[in-house]
Amino acid sequence: MIDGSTYEGNFENDVYSGFGTLKMVDGTIFSGIFVEGKCPKIGRIIFEEGDIYEGEVDDFKPEGLG
């Protein structure tokens, strides 16, 4: 990725699609099921300091139930 983030997982039509893990430059790790290259609504976030969030996600941030 251009910003230095890395993605491991499934692709479809050259975009994230299916289960994958996105490691962001700030150390945050996001795992979930991506749809058409977009952030899934349910996933797991491991923050740089080691805190873990599992639940609803919006734009790669905890949102709603988790």
Protein backbone atom coordinates (compact mmCIF):
# COMPACT_ATOMS: atom_id res chain seq x y z
CA MET A 1 0.00 0.00 0.00
CA ILE A 2 1.12 3.55 -0.63
CA ASP A 3 1.04 4.63 3.05
CA GLY A 4 3.18 1.68 4.20
CA SER A 5 0.31 -0.45 5.53
CA THR A 6 0.28 -4.13 4.55
CA TYR A 7 -2.59 -6.47 3.77
CA GLU A 8 -2.63 -10.26 3.83
CA GLY A 9 -5.73 -12.04 2.68
CA ASN A 10 -8.16 -12.53 -0.16
CA PHE A 11 -8.59 -10.22 -3.13
CA GLU A 12 -11.31 -9.98 -5.76
CA ASN A 13 -11.05 -7.63 -8.74
CA ASP A 14 -7.82 -6.19 -7.24
CA VAL A 15 -9.47 -5.06 -3.97
CA TYR A 16 -9.64 -6.59 -0.49
CA SER A 17 -12.46 -9.10 -0.50
CA GLY A 18 -13.04 -11.86 2.02
CA PHE A 19 -11.09 -12.56 5.19
CA GLY A 20 -7.89 -10.60 5.62
CA THR A 21 -5.58 -8.77 7.99
CA LEU A 22 -4.56 -5.16 7.53
CA LYS A 23 -1.49 -3.97 9.44
CA MET A 24 -1.50 -0.19 9.60
CA VAL A 25 1.55 2.06 9.82
CA ASP A 26 0.68 3.12 13.40
CA GLY A 27 0.91 -0.53 14.56
CA THR A 28 -2.82 -1.20 14.66
CA ILE A 29 -3.83 -4.60 13.24
CA PHE A 30 -7.32 -5.05 11.82
CA SER A 31 -8.78 -8.49 10.95
CA GLY A 32 -12.16 -9.17 9.45
CA ILE A 33 -14.10 -9.87 6.30
CA PHE A 34 -13.55 -7.11 3.76
CA VAL A 35 -16.20 -6.42 1.11
CA GLU A 36 -15.24 -4.66 -2.13
CA GLY A 37 -12.15 -3.15 -0.51
CA LYS A 38 -14.10 -1.53 2.29
CA CYS A 39 -13.83 -1.91 6.03
CA PRO A 40 -16.10 -4.66 7.31
CA LYS A 41 -18.82 -3.90 9.83
CA ILE A 42 -17.62 -6.64 12.23
CA GLY A 43 -13.98 -7.26 13.01
CA ARG A 44 -11.09 -7.40 15.43
CA ILE A 45 -8.72 -4.55 16.14
CA ILE A 46 -5.43 -5.00 17.99
CA PHE A 47 -4.09 -1.61 18.96
CA GLU A 48 -0.39 -0.77 19.12
CA GLU A 49 -0.42 -0.81 22.94
CA GLY A 50 -1.90 -4.34 22.91
CA ASP A 51 -5.57 -3.61 23.66
CA ILE A 52 -7.98 -5.78 21.68
CA TYR A 53 -11.45 -4.85 20.46
CA GLU A 54 -13.85 -7.30 18.81
CA GLY A 55 -17.21 -6.17 17.51
CA GLU A 56 -18.81 -3.56 15.30
CA VAL A 57 -16.46 -1.36 13.31
CA ASP A 58 -16.86 1.80 11.23
CA ASP A 59 -13.99 3.19 9.15
CA PHE A 60 -11.49 1.00 11.05
CA LYS A 61 -12.59 2.35 14.44
CA PRO A 62 -14.66 0.70 17.20
CA GLU A 63 -18.32 1.58 16.77
CA GLY A 64 -21.42 0.19 18.44
CA LEU A 65 -21.37 -3.15 20.23
CA GLY A 66 -18.03 -4.71 21.05
